[in-house]
Every structure is written in C-alpha cells, then in structure tokens.
C-alpha cells in the first residue's frame, strides 16, 4: 500500500495527478482501492493482471494493420516492433489471436514508389533515434552546396518511398530529404517540443504549398469529357482542382475551356501529349505550335 505522496514521489508527478489518475483507473475497471486513516493509502488487488479483453475482433485486426514493418525496419525499430507484436498477441484473448494472421493475409502496405531506390538512407536510424529522444542534431546536408545546420528534429515522413526529416532551425520549421544528410551528430542538448505541433497537419500544409510554388505558369486548354476525367491521372491534384474551378460551361459536344497551372512549358508539353486528342491547347501559341508539330510527326509514323 502506498500513499498519494509516496506514489507522486515514485512517479515524479504531483499528488493532484495521482488523485486524478487513480480515479481514471477505477473508472476503467482497474481494481484500485483507497483506505482511509493514518496508515491508509492506495492498493491494487493482489494478483491483478491487465488483459486486452475490451477489443472487438474488428479492433484487434485494425491494431495489426497499424504496423509498418518496412519503415520500422528502415528506422532500426524492427526488433521492438516484433517484441510488442508478441506481447499484444500474448495479451489478447484466444478468440482474437488469429487477428494478426487474418489482417496480414488480406492487407499489405507497399510504401515505396515503383521506380525509387528501395534502400533506406544510411543515417535514417540515427535520425529516428534523435526524433524519439528530442535530441538536437548537428546536420551536414547536401543541397546545391554542403551546409551545416543545428536542427531540432521534430519528425520523419515517408512520402512515395522518400524519407524526409522535419526539423526546427531557430524559429523556422524546415524539411530535409533524409538521403541528402551527410552526417548527423548529437549536439549534446535536448529540445523542448512545441506541444501544439502536429506532424500530419504540418506535412499536408507544406506539401500543398510546395506544389503551388512549383506551378508558376498557366496554359489555356479545351478538354473533352474524357480528357476531363483523365486529368486526375496526369497532373497534380491541386492543378486539377484549379482547372475545375476555372472551367467554363461545356459546349454542345461537352468540351470545356479552362486554365491549367503547370510547372514549366516543358512539363505542359508532356501533360498535353499524355492527354492526346482529348485536349486542345489555346494559349500560349508557342506550345500550340509545338504540339501541332508533335502530332504531325506522330501522324507520319502511322501513314
């Protein structure tokens, strides 16, 4: 039996936190009892062991879907993942123990892109360790030139098979490709993580801003109904959304006129060629002439 003061000292929290947590444990069904008086305190029923008895079959299967064995291995976490998997399986009631096999037979996440390098960045495990422990790093990073930065590593993101480090430099949050990190040395300090920082939200906003910054130019095109449907497979989602918003009313044949954001004239050229006869370039005239010449060369091949 331990008093609230003894529990607070052992757990390095306040007595108020102990009172609150004991109430929460009791409400969750954990048999914690309080005894009043000079020799009183809190005690747990002897022999009590927690089990994951509150999971439904669907919840147990979803739990095993949450694991990403490939990325976990890349970050040096393969053994902890295997260990926690065994512990969860051991704690599950017998009726739920086939959830792992059931989920694994039905679903698999293949995160890397089709044509990317499947080898993880050499320093990924070091970066992941620093992220876990809020450890400040001195990074040497290869961009146009090699630079050195002192970075507070906030998180890692795997996007289309490419790992990115999100880190704070001074007051600014920045994104670094992990495979361009040449060296990552602990700076000897830890940092205080911003409690309001949300990695998924930050990444979604930054990714959208990055795409918008790339789309520096605009072309005017006509799209057939089929071309309009194909657009989602050719251009970035943001470009497609802006093209849909700028679209005029369909003509009698269903074709629409719209403005399409593009990265450059060369990229616009590849987009239009991908859509073939389902698109007509209206402006700029240089791109229209270039597409006409490509169409003529293609026609000559099939004579």
C-alpha atoms as a PDB file:
ATOM      1  CA  UNK A   1       0.000   0.000   0.000  1.00  0.00           C
ATOM      2  CA  UNK A   2       1.308   3.462  -0.907  1.00  0.00           C
ATOM      3  CA  UNK A   3       0.103   6.934  -0.034  1.00  0.00           C
ATOM      4  CA  UNK A   4      -0.550   9.579  -2.680  1.00  0.00           C
ATOM      5  CA  UNK A   5       2.618  11.371  -1.621  1.00  0.00           C
ATOM      6  CA  UNK A   6       4.692   8.186  -1.991  1.00  0.00           C
ATOM      7  CA  UNK A   7       3.197   7.446  -5.410  1.00  0.00           C
ATOM      8  CA  UNK A   8       3.830  11.033  -6.527  1.00  0.00           C
ATOM      9  CA  UNK A   9       7.477  10.800  -5.467  1.00  0.00           C
ATOM     10  CA  UNK A  10       7.947   7.411  -7.160  1.00  0.00           C
ATOM     11  CA  UNK A  11       6.320   8.500 -10.426  1.00  0.00           C
ATOM     12  CA  UNK A  12       7.736  12.050 -10.331  1.00  0.00           C
ATOM     13  CA  UNK A  13       4.337  13.684 -10.661  1.00  0.00           C
ATOM     14  CA  UNK A  14       2.178  15.850  -8.416  1.00  0.00           C
ATOM     15  CA  UNK A  15      -0.238  14.435  -5.815  1.00  0.00           C
ATOM     16  CA  UNK A  16      -3.085  16.050  -7.771  1.00  0.00           C
ATOM     17  CA  UNK A  17      -2.044  13.927 -10.793  1.00  0.00           C
ATOM     18  CA  UNK A  18      -2.072  10.792  -8.615  1.00  0.00           C
ATOM     19  CA  UNK A  19      -5.626  11.531  -7.422  1.00  0.00           C
ATOM     20  CA  UNK A  20      -6.809  12.151 -10.972  1.00  0.00           C
ATOM     21  CA  UNK A  21      -5.141   9.018 -12.385  1.00  0.00           C
ATOM     22  CA  UNK A  22      -6.475   6.771  -9.637  1.00  0.00           C
ATOM     23  CA  UNK A  23      -9.998   7.963 -10.412  1.00  0.00           C
ATOM     24  CA  UNK A  24      -9.416   7.287 -14.124  1.00  0.00           C
ATOM     25  CA  UNK A  25      -8.076   3.779 -13.438  1.00  0.00           C
ATOM     26  CA  UNK A  26     -11.024   2.994 -11.194  1.00  0.00           C
ATOM     27  CA  UNK A  27     -13.476   4.235 -13.834  1.00  0.00           C
ATOM     28  CA  UNK A  28     -11.735   1.987 -16.410  1.00  0.00           C
ATOM     29  CA  UNK A  29     -12.337  -1.080 -14.233  1.00  0.00           C
ATOM     30  CA  UNK A  30      -8.867  -1.437 -12.702  1.00  0.00           C
ATOM     31  CA  UNK A  31      -9.346  -2.626  -9.068  1.00  0.00           C
ATOM     32  CA  UNK A  32      -7.553   0.196  -7.236  1.00  0.00           C
ATOM     33  CA  UNK A  33      -8.759   0.727  -3.670  1.00  0.00           C
ATOM     34  CA  UNK A  34      -8.216   3.544  -1.169  1.00  0.00           C
ATOM     35  CA  UNK A  35      -8.092   3.018   2.574  1.00  0.00           C
ATOM     36  CA  UNK A  36      -8.644   5.930   4.929  1.00  0.00           C
ATOM     37  CA  UNK A  37      -6.779   6.660   8.134  1.00  0.00           C
ATOM     38  CA  UNK A  38      -3.270   7.288   9.407  1.00  0.00           C
ATOM     39  CA  UNK A  39      -1.933   4.070   7.837  1.00  0.00           C
ATOM     40  CA  UNK A  40      -4.118   4.257   4.736  1.00  0.00           C
ATOM     41  CA  UNK A  41      -3.261   4.669   1.091  1.00  0.00           C
ATOM     42  CA  UNK A  42      -3.908   3.133  -2.292  1.00  0.00           C
ATOM     43  CA  UNK A  43      -3.568  -0.523  -3.165  1.00  0.00           C
ATOM     44  CA  UNK A  44      -4.152  -2.791  -6.166  1.00  0.00           C
ATOM     45  CA  UNK A  45      -5.965  -6.101  -5.680  1.00  0.00           C
ATOM     46  CA  UNK A  46      -3.358  -8.838  -5.309  1.00  0.00           C
ATOM     47  CA  UNK A  47      -2.657 -10.896  -8.435  1.00  0.00           C
ATOM     48  CA  UNK A  48      -4.417  -8.477 -10.792  1.00  0.00           C
ATOM     49  CA  UNK A  49      -3.123  -8.533 -14.379  1.00  0.00           C
ATOM     50  CA  UNK A  50      -4.438  -6.451 -17.227  1.00  0.00           C
ATOM     51  CA  UNK A  51      -5.566  -8.131 -20.437  1.00  0.00           C
ATOM     52  CA  UNK A  52      -6.776  -6.653 -23.716  1.00  0.00           C
ATOM     53  CA  UNK A  53     -10.264  -8.027 -23.180  1.00  0.00           C
ATOM     54  CA  UNK A  54     -12.037  -4.886 -24.356  1.00  0.00           C
ATOM     55  CA  UNK A  55     -11.098  -5.292 -28.033  1.00  0.00           C
ATOM     56  CA  UNK A  56     -13.617  -6.438 -30.595  1.00  0.00           C
ATOM     57  CA  UNK A  57     -12.406  -8.694 -33.456  1.00  0.00           C
ATOM     58  CA  UNK A  58     -12.515  -5.729 -35.857  1.00  0.00           C
ATOM     59  CA  UNK A  59     -10.483  -3.587 -33.442  1.00  0.00           C
ATOM     60  CA  UNK A  60      -7.884  -6.327 -32.963  1.00  0.00           C
ATOM     61  CA  UNK A  61      -7.441  -6.682 -36.726  1.00  0.00           C
ATOM     62  CA  UNK A  62      -7.177  -2.893 -37.118  1.00  0.00           C
ATOM     63  CA  UNK A  63      -4.445  -2.873 -34.460  1.00  0.00           C
ATOM     64  CA  UNK A  64      -2.240  -5.122 -36.578  1.00  0.00           C
ATOM     65  CA  UNK A  65      -2.940  -3.030 -39.661  1.00  0.00           C
ATOM     66  CA  UNK A  66      -1.299  -0.088 -37.866  1.00  0.00           C
ATOM     67  CA  UNK A  67       2.157  -1.669 -38.094  1.00  0.00           C
ATOM     68  CA  UNK A  68       4.510  -0.709 -40.930  1.00  0.00           C
ATOM     69  CA  UNK A  69       7.227  -3.393 -40.855  1.00  0.00           C
ATOM     70  CA  UNK A  70       9.206  -1.971 -43.778  1.00  0.00           C
ATOM     71  CA  UNK A  71       9.530   1.614 -42.495  1.00  0.00           C
ATOM     72  CA  UNK A  72      10.031   0.344 -38.925  1.00  0.00           C
ATOM     73  CA  UNK A  73      12.930  -1.810 -40.142  1.00  0.00           C
ATOM     74  CA  UNK A  74      14.426   1.155 -42.011  1.00  0.00           C
ATOM     75  CA  UNK A  75      14.376   3.228 -38.811  1.00  0.00           C
ATOM     76  CA  UNK A  76      16.091   0.491 -36.800  1.00  0.00           C
ATOM     77  CA  UNK A  77      12.903  -0.475 -34.950  1.00  0.00           C
ATOM     78  CA  UNK A  78      12.346  -3.977 -36.340  1.00  0.00           C
ATOM     79  CA  UNK A  79      13.079  -5.780 -33.048  1.00  0.00           C
ATOM     80  CA  UNK A  80      10.879  -3.507 -30.849  1.00  0.00           C
ATOM     81  CA  UNK A  81       8.027  -3.960 -33.350  1.00  0.00           C
ATOM     82  CA  UNK A  82       8.418  -7.760 -33.217  1.00  0.00           C
ATOM     83  CA  UNK A  83       8.541  -7.660 -29.424  1.00  0.00           C
ATOM     84  CA  UNK A  84       5.432  -5.537 -28.989  1.00  0.00           C
ATOM     85  CA  UNK A  85       3.620  -7.696 -31.542  1.00  0.00           C
ATOM     86  CA  UNK A  86       4.396 -10.815 -29.478  1.00  0.00           C
ATOM     87  CA  UNK A  87       3.280  -9.071 -26.271  1.00  0.00           C
ATOM     88  CA  UNK A  88      -0.001  -7.911 -27.798  1.00  0.00           C
ATOM     89  CA  UNK A  89      -0.665 -11.395 -29.146  1.00  0.00           C
ATOM     90  CA  UNK A  90       0.032 -12.906 -25.730  1.00  0.00           C
ATOM     91  CA  UNK A  91      -2.342 -10.464 -24.038  1.00  0.00           C
ATOM     92  CA  UNK A  92      -5.214 -10.993 -26.464  1.00  0.00           C
ATOM     93  CA  UNK A  93      -7.929 -13.491 -25.545  1.00  0.00           C
ATOM     94  CA  UNK A  94      -7.690 -16.779 -27.512  1.00  0.00           C
ATOM     95  CA  UNK A  95     -10.668 -15.869 -29.708  1.00  0.00           C
ATOM     96  CA  UNK A  96      -8.800 -12.814 -31.049  1.00  0.00           C
ATOM     97  CA  UNK A  97      -5.319 -14.284 -31.529  1.00  0.00           C
ATOM     98  CA  UNK A  98      -5.797 -15.008 -35.216  1.00  0.00           C
ATOM     99  CA  UNK A  99      -6.398 -11.289 -35.872  1.00  0.00           C
ATOM    100  CA  UNK A 100      -2.760 -10.765 -36.847  1.00  0.00           C
ATOM    101  CA  UNK A 101      -2.780 -13.543 -39.429  1.00  0.00           C
ATOM    102  CA  UNK A 102      -6.228 -12.537 -40.677  1.00  0.00           C
ATOM    103  CA  UNK A 103      -5.174  -8.918 -41.282  1.00  0.00           C
ATOM    104  CA  UNK A 104      -1.789  -9.873 -42.740  1.00  0.00           C
ATOM    105  CA  UNK A 105      -3.385 -12.211 -45.282  1.00  0.00           C
ATOM    106  CA  UNK A 106      -5.745  -9.508 -46.516  1.00  0.00           C
ATOM    107  CA  UNK A 107      -3.876  -6.185 -46.423  1.00  0.00           C
ATOM    108  CA  UNK A 108      -0.337  -5.062 -47.186  1.00  0.00           C
ATOM    109  CA  UNK A 109       1.049  -1.529 -47.409  1.00  0.00           C
ATOM    110  CA  UNK A 110       3.786  -1.167 -50.032  1.00  0.00           C
ATOM    111  CA  UNK A 111       5.016   2.341 -49.210  1.00  0.00           C
ATOM    112  CA  UNK A 112       7.931   2.890 -51.649  1.00  0.00           C
ATOM    113  CA  UNK A 113       7.296   4.183 -55.156  1.00  0.00           C
ATOM    114  CA  UNK A 114       7.613   1.882 -58.174  1.00  0.00           C
ATOM    115  CA  UNK A 115      10.846   3.246 -59.577  1.00  0.00           C
ATOM    116  CA  UNK A 116      12.600   4.542 -56.459  1.00  0.00           C
ATOM    117  CA  UNK A 117      15.617   3.218 -54.625  1.00  0.00           C
ATOM    118  CA  UNK A 118      14.418   0.699 -52.021  1.00  0.00           C
ATOM    119  CA  UNK A 119      17.494   1.074 -49.784  1.00  0.00           C
ATOM    120  CA  UNK A 120      16.841   3.326 -46.753  1.00  0.00           C
ATOM    121  CA  UNK A 121      19.008   6.434 -46.267  1.00  0.00           C
ATOM    122  CA  UNK A 122      22.238   5.474 -44.463  1.00  0.00           C
ATOM    123  CA  UNK A 123      21.590   7.764 -41.485  1.00  0.00           C
ATOM    124  CA  UNK A 124      17.849   7.109 -41.119  1.00  0.00           C
ATOM    125  CA  UNK A 125      18.206   5.101 -37.899  1.00  0.00           C
ATOM    126  CA  UNK A 126      20.302   7.903 -36.340  1.00  0.00           C
ATOM    127  CA  UNK A 127      17.695  10.477 -37.330  1.00  0.00           C
ATOM    128  CA  UNK A 128      14.871   8.330 -35.934  1.00  0.00           C
ATOM    129  CA  UNK A 129      16.737   7.903 -32.643  1.00  0.00           C
ATOM    130  CA  UNK A 130      17.129  11.670 -32.325  1.00  0.00           C
ATOM    131  CA  UNK A 131      13.438  12.198 -33.138  1.00  0.00           C
ATOM    132  CA  UNK A 132      12.401   9.720 -30.419  1.00  0.00           C
ATOM    133  CA  UNK A 133      14.600  11.327 -27.778  1.00  0.00           C
ATOM    134  CA  UNK A 134      14.135  15.017 -28.738  1.00  0.00           C
ATOM    135  CA  UNK A 135      17.879  15.250 -29.275  1.00  0.00           C
ATOM    136  CA  UNK A 136      19.360  18.294 -31.033  1.00  0.00           C
ATOM    137  CA  UNK A 137      21.491  17.355 -34.047  1.00  0.00           C
ATOM    138  CA  UNK A 138      24.274  18.991 -35.987  1.00  0.00           C
ATOM    139  CA  UNK A 139      23.451  18.111 -39.589  1.00  0.00           C
ATOM    140  CA  UNK A 140      25.656  18.271 -42.622  1.00  0.00           C
ATOM    141  CA  UNK A 141      23.296  18.408 -45.576  1.00  0.00           C
ATOM    142  CA  UNK A 142      23.962  18.172 -49.305  1.00  0.00           C
ATOM    143  CA  UNK A 143      21.853  20.572 -51.348  1.00  0.00           C
ATOM    144  CA  UNK A 144      23.462  22.673 -54.090  1.00  0.00           C
ATOM    145  CA  UNK A 145      26.371  23.001 -51.697  1.00  0.00           C
ATOM    146  CA  UNK A 146      27.074  21.187 -48.470  1.00  0.00           C
ATOM    147  CA  UNK A 147      25.763  23.133 -45.467  1.00  0.00           C
ATOM    148  CA  UNK A 148      25.810  22.601 -41.700  1.00  0.00           C
ATOM    149  CA  UNK A 149      22.753  23.264 -39.552  1.00  0.00           C
ATOM    150  CA  UNK A 150      21.824  22.800 -35.892  1.00  0.00           C
ATOM    151  CA  UNK A 151      18.407  21.120 -36.051  1.00  0.00           C
ATOM    152  CA  UNK A 152      15.759  20.129 -33.521  1.00  0.00           C
ATOM    153  CA  UNK A 153      14.338  17.003 -35.252  1.00  0.00           C
ATOM    154  CA  UNK A 154      10.545  17.036 -34.882  1.00  0.00           C
ATOM    155  CA  UNK A 155       9.576  14.092 -37.079  1.00  0.00           C
ATOM    156  CA  UNK A 156      10.132  11.805 -40.040  1.00  0.00           C
ATOM    157  CA  UNK A 157       7.796  11.442 -43.022  1.00  0.00           C
ATOM    158  CA  UNK A 158       7.810   8.709 -45.671  1.00  0.00           C
ATOM    159  CA  UNK A 159       6.382  10.052 -48.936  1.00  0.00           C
ATOM    160  CA  UNK A 160       6.360   7.892 -52.091  1.00  0.00           C
ATOM    161  CA  UNK A 161       9.346   5.902 -50.881  1.00  0.00           C
ATOM    162  CA  UNK A 162      11.365   9.004 -49.916  1.00  0.00           C
ATOM    163  CA  UNK A 163      12.124   9.838 -46.275  1.00  0.00           C
ATOM    164  CA  UNK A 164      12.003  13.464 -45.107  1.00  0.00           C
ATOM    165  CA  UNK A 165      13.137  14.986 -41.810  1.00  0.00           C
ATOM    166  CA  UNK A 166      11.047  17.818 -40.370  1.00  0.00           C
ATOM    167  CA  UNK A 167      13.210  19.920 -38.076  1.00  0.00           C
ATOM    168  CA  UNK A 168      13.267  23.307 -36.437  1.00  0.00           C
ATOM    169  CA  UNK A 169      16.197  25.619 -37.167  1.00  0.00           C
ATOM    170  CA  UNK A 170      15.937  28.630 -34.907  1.00  0.00           C
ATOM    171  CA  UNK A 171      12.250  29.580 -35.086  1.00  0.00           C
ATOM    172  CA  UNK A 172      11.655  28.042 -38.529  1.00  0.00           C
ATOM    173  CA  UNK A 173      10.393  24.565 -39.361  1.00  0.00           C
ATOM    174  CA  UNK A 174      12.215  23.123 -42.375  1.00  0.00           C
ATOM    175  CA  UNK A 175      12.113  19.914 -44.400  1.00  0.00           C
ATOM    176  CA  UNK A 176      15.213  17.922 -45.375  1.00  0.00           C
ATOM    177  CA  UNK A 177      15.485  14.862 -47.592  1.00  0.00           C
ATOM    178  CA  UNK A 178      16.985  12.165 -45.374  1.00  0.00           C
ATOM    179  CA  UNK A 179      19.092  10.701 -48.189  1.00  0.00           C
ATOM    180  CA  UNK A 180      20.902  14.049 -48.533  1.00  0.00           C
ATOM    181  CA  UNK A 181      22.006  14.112 -44.900  1.00  0.00           C
ATOM    182  CA  UNK A 182      25.767  13.520 -44.991  1.00  0.00           C
ATOM    183  CA  UNK A 183      26.324  13.495 -41.214  1.00  0.00           C
ATOM    184  CA  UNK A 184      24.115  13.684 -38.111  1.00  0.00           C
ATOM    185  CA  UNK A 185      25.943  14.229 -34.836  1.00  0.00           C
ATOM    186  CA  UNK A 186      24.267  14.771 -31.440  1.00  0.00           C
ATOM    187  CA  UNK A 187      24.812  18.363 -30.348  1.00  0.00           C
ATOM    188  CA  UNK A 188      24.718  17.374 -26.672  1.00  0.00           C
ATOM    189  CA  UNK A 189      21.364  19.026 -25.919  1.00  0.00           C
ATOM    190  CA  UNK A 190      17.706  18.092 -25.930  1.00  0.00           C
ATOM    191  CA  UNK A 191      14.951  20.446 -27.019  1.00  0.00           C
ATOM    192  CA  UNK A 192      11.506  21.318 -25.704  1.00  0.00           C
ATOM    193  CA  UNK A 193       8.969  20.117 -28.266  1.00  0.00           C
ATOM    194  CA  UNK A 194       6.200  22.560 -29.156  1.00  0.00           C
ATOM    195  CA  UNK A 195       3.072  20.890 -27.667  1.00  0.00           C
ATOM    196  CA  UNK A 196       0.881  22.371 -30.413  1.00  0.00           C
ATOM    197  CA  UNK A 197       2.947  20.906 -33.265  1.00  0.00           C
ATOM    198  CA  UNK A 198       1.008  18.346 -35.336  1.00  0.00           C
ATOM    199  CA  UNK A 199       3.150  16.479 -37.860  1.00  0.00           C
ATOM    200  CA  UNK A 200       0.376  15.273 -40.238  1.00  0.00           C
ATOM    201  CA  UNK A 201      -1.171  18.749 -40.435  1.00  0.00           C
ATOM    202  CA  UNK A 202       2.201  20.421 -40.946  1.00  0.00           C
ATOM    203  CA  UNK A 203       3.127  17.989 -43.711  1.00  0.00           C
ATOM    204  CA  UNK A 204      -0.209  18.378 -45.517  1.00  0.00           C
ATOM    205  CA  UNK A 205       0.115  22.176 -45.496  1.00  0.00           C
ATOM    206  CA  UNK A 206       3.780  22.149 -46.516  1.00  0.00           C
ATOM    207  CA  UNK A 207       3.186  19.655 -49.340  1.00  0.00           C
ATOM    208  CA  UNK A 208       0.330  21.754 -50.722  1.00  0.00           C
ATOM    209  CA  UNK A 209       2.455  24.931 -50.544  1.00  0.00           C
ATOM    210  CA  UNK A 210       5.336  23.142 -52.281  1.00  0.00           C
ATOM    211  CA  UNK A 211       3.136  22.104 -55.205  1.00  0.00           C
ATOM    212  CA  UNK A 212       1.646  25.595 -55.519  1.00  0.00           C
ATOM    213  CA  UNK A 213       5.125  27.117 -55.657  1.00  0.00           C
ATOM    214  CA  UNK A 214       6.067  24.750 -58.488  1.00  0.00           C
ATOM    215  CA  UNK A 215       3.028  25.708 -60.584  1.00  0.00           C
ATOM    216  CA  UNK A 216       4.451  29.011 -61.811  1.00  0.00           C
ATOM    217  CA  UNK A 217       2.766  29.205 -65.240  1.00  0.00           C
ATOM    218  CA  UNK A 218      -0.685  28.720 -66.719  1.00  0.00           C
ATOM    219  CA  UNK A 219      -1.883  27.396 -70.068  1.00  0.00           C
ATOM    220  CA  UNK A 220      -5.350  27.682 -71.604  1.00  0.00           C
ATOM    221  CA  UNK A 221      -6.822  24.475 -72.984  1.00  0.00           C
ATOM    222  CA  UNK A 222     -10.019  22.815 -74.195  1.00  0.00           C
ATOM    223  CA  UNK A 223     -10.793  19.409 -72.692  1.00  0.00           C
ATOM    224  CA  UNK A 224     -13.160  16.746 -73.954  1.00  0.00           C
ATOM    225  CA  UNK A 225     -15.373  14.982 -71.374  1.00  0.00           C
ATOM    226  CA  UNK A 226     -12.945  12.040 -71.450  1.00  0.00           C
ATOM    227  CA  UNK A 227      -9.944  14.364 -71.157  1.00  0.00           C
ATOM    228  CA  UNK A 228     -11.537  15.979 -68.149  1.00  0.00           C
ATOM    229  CA  UNK A 229     -11.768  12.568 -66.478  1.00  0.00           C
ATOM    230  CA  UNK A 230      -8.185  11.678 -67.470  1.00  0.00           C
ATOM    231  CA  UNK A 231      -6.799  14.880 -65.981  1.00  0.00           C
ATOM    232  CA  UNK A 232      -6.613  13.314 -62.499  1.00  0.00           C
ATOM    233  CA  UNK A 233      -4.050  10.783 -63.780  1.00  0.00           C
ATOM    234  CA  UNK A 234      -1.828  13.373 -65.475  1.00  0.00           C
ATOM    235  CA  UNK A 235      -1.495  16.480 -63.288  1.00  0.00           C
ATOM    236  CA  UNK A 236      -1.115  17.253 -59.578  1.00  0.00           C
ATOM    237  CA  UNK A 237      -4.387  17.260 -57.585  1.00  0.00           C
ATOM    238  CA  UNK A 238      -4.055  20.983 -56.847  1.00  0.00           C
ATOM    239  CA  UNK A 239      -3.638  21.769 -60.564  1.00  0.00           C
ATOM    240  CA  UNK A 240      -6.698  19.677 -61.385  1.00  0.00           C
ATOM    241  CA  UNK A 241      -8.758  21.418 -58.696  1.00  0.00           C
ATOM    242  CA  UNK A 242      -7.817  24.847 -60.011  1.00  0.00           C
ATOM    243  CA  UNK A 243      -8.606  23.760 -63.579  1.00  0.00           C
ATOM    244  CA  UNK A 244     -12.051  22.558 -62.478  1.00  0.00           C
ATOM    245  CA  UNK A 245     -12.717  25.847 -60.669  1.00  0.00           C
ATOM    246  CA  UNK A 246     -11.700  27.877 -63.736  1.00  0.00           C
ATOM    247  CA  UNK A 247     -13.718  25.787 -66.201  1.00  0.00           C
ATOM    248  CA  UNK A 248     -16.409  27.433 -68.301  1.00  0.00           C
ATOM    249  CA  UNK A 249     -19.706  25.906 -69.352  1.00  0.00           C
ATOM    250  CA  UNK A 250     -19.450  22.845 -71.647  1.00  0.00           C
ATOM    251  CA  UNK A 251     -20.066  23.430 -75.357  1.00  0.00           C
ATOM    252  CA  UNK A 252     -22.644  21.331 -77.268  1.00  0.00           C
ATOM    253  CA  UNK A 253     -20.103  18.490 -77.561  1.00  0.00           C
ATOM    254  CA  UNK A 254     -19.268  18.581 -73.842  1.00  0.00           C
ATOM    255  CA  UNK A 255     -15.842  20.217 -74.229  1.00  0.00           C
ATOM    256  CA  UNK A 256     -14.810  22.821 -71.646  1.00  0.00           C
ATOM    257  CA  UNK A 257     -12.339  25.691 -71.797  1.00  0.00           C
ATOM    258  CA  UNK A 258     -10.158  26.250 -68.722  1.00  0.00           C
ATOM    259  CA  UNK A 259      -6.813  27.419 -67.356  1.00  0.00           C
ATOM    260  CA  UNK A 260      -4.384  24.747 -66.194  1.00  0.00           C
ATOM    261  CA  UNK A 261      -1.473  25.600 -63.819  1.00  0.00           C
ATOM    262  CA  UNK A 262       1.823  23.998 -64.880  1.00  0.00           C
ATOM    263  CA  UNK A 263       5.403  23.936 -63.674  1.00  0.00           C
ATOM    264  CA  UNK A 264       7.024  24.949 -66.974  1.00  0.00           C
ATOM    265  CA  UNK A 265       6.456  24.860 -70.765  1.00  0.00           C
ATOM    266  CA  UNK A 266       8.285  21.523 -70.987  1.00  0.00           C
ATOM    267  CA  UNK A 267       6.092  19.976 -68.302  1.00  0.00           C
ATOM    268  CA  UNK A 268       3.000  21.396 -70.016  1.00  0.00           C
ATOM    269  CA  UNK A 269       4.154  19.752 -73.252  1.00  0.00           C
ATOM    270  CA  UNK A 270       4.329  16.316 -71.589  1.00  0.00           C
ATOM    271  CA  UNK A 271       0.913  16.828 -69.965  1.00  0.00           C
ATOM    272  CA  UNK A 272      -0.744  17.664 -73.273  1.00  0.00           C
ATOM    273  CA  UNK A 273       0.925  14.758 -75.073  1.00  0.00           C
ATOM    274  CA  UNK A 274      -0.339  12.433 -72.332  1.00  0.00           C
ATOM    275  CA  UNK A 275      -3.912  13.560 -72.986  1.00  0.00           C
ATOM    276  CA  UNK A 276      -3.562  13.138 -76.758  1.00  0.00           C
ATOM    277  CA  UNK A 277      -6.643  14.057 -78.807  1.00  0.00           C
ATOM    278  CA  UNK A 278      -8.674  14.746 -75.655  1.00  0.00           C
ATOM    279  CA  UNK A 279      -7.126  18.209 -75.239  1.00  0.00           C
ATOM    280  CA  UNK A 280      -6.525  21.271 -77.449  1.00  0.00           C
ATOM    281  CA  UNK A 281      -4.039  23.985 -76.495  1.00  0.00           C
ATOM    282  CA  UNK A 282      -5.416  27.500 -76.971  1.00  0.00           C
ATOM    283  CA  UNK A 283      -2.619  29.514 -75.368  1.00  0.00           C
ATOM    284  CA  UNK A 284       0.333  30.095 -75.417  1.00  0.00           C
ATOM    285  CA  UNK A 285       0.807  29.901 -79.199  1.00  0.00           C
ATOM    286  CA  UNK A 286       4.339  28.505 -78.819  1.00  0.00           C
ATOM    287  CA  UNK A 287       3.009  25.438 -77.015  1.00  0.00           C
ATOM    288  CA  UNK A 288       0.175  25.054 -79.523  1.00  0.00           C
ATOM    289  CA  UNK A 289       2.705  25.036 -82.387  1.00  0.00           C
ATOM    290  CA  UNK A 290       4.924  22.564 -80.573  1.00  0.00           C
ATOM    291  CA  UNK A 291       2.017  20.169 -80.009  1.00  0.00           C
ATOM    292  CA  UNK A 292       0.913  20.537 -83.652  1.00  0.00           C
ATOM    293  CA  UNK A 293       4.426  19.603 -84.803  1.00  0.00           C
ATOM    294  CA  UNK A 294       4.450  16.575 -82.496  1.00  0.00           C
ATOM    295  CA  UNK A 295       1.049  15.494 -83.822  1.00  0.00           C
ATOM    296  CA  UNK A 296       2.311  15.773 -87.401  1.00  0.00           C
ATOM    297  CA  UNK A 297       5.378  13.669 -86.606  1.00  0.00           C
ATOM    298  CA  UNK A 298       3.153  11.081 -84.954  1.00  0.00           C
ATOM    299  CA  UNK A 299       0.819  11.057 -87.964  1.00  0.00           C
ATOM    300  CA  UNK A 300       3.755  10.442 -90.309  1.00  0.00           C
ATOM    301  CA  UNK A 301       4.746   7.378 -88.310  1.00  0.00           C
ATOM    302  CA  UNK A 302       1.319   5.769 -88.904  1.00  0.00           C
ATOM    303  CA  UNK A 303       0.876   6.523 -92.605  1.00  0.00           C
END
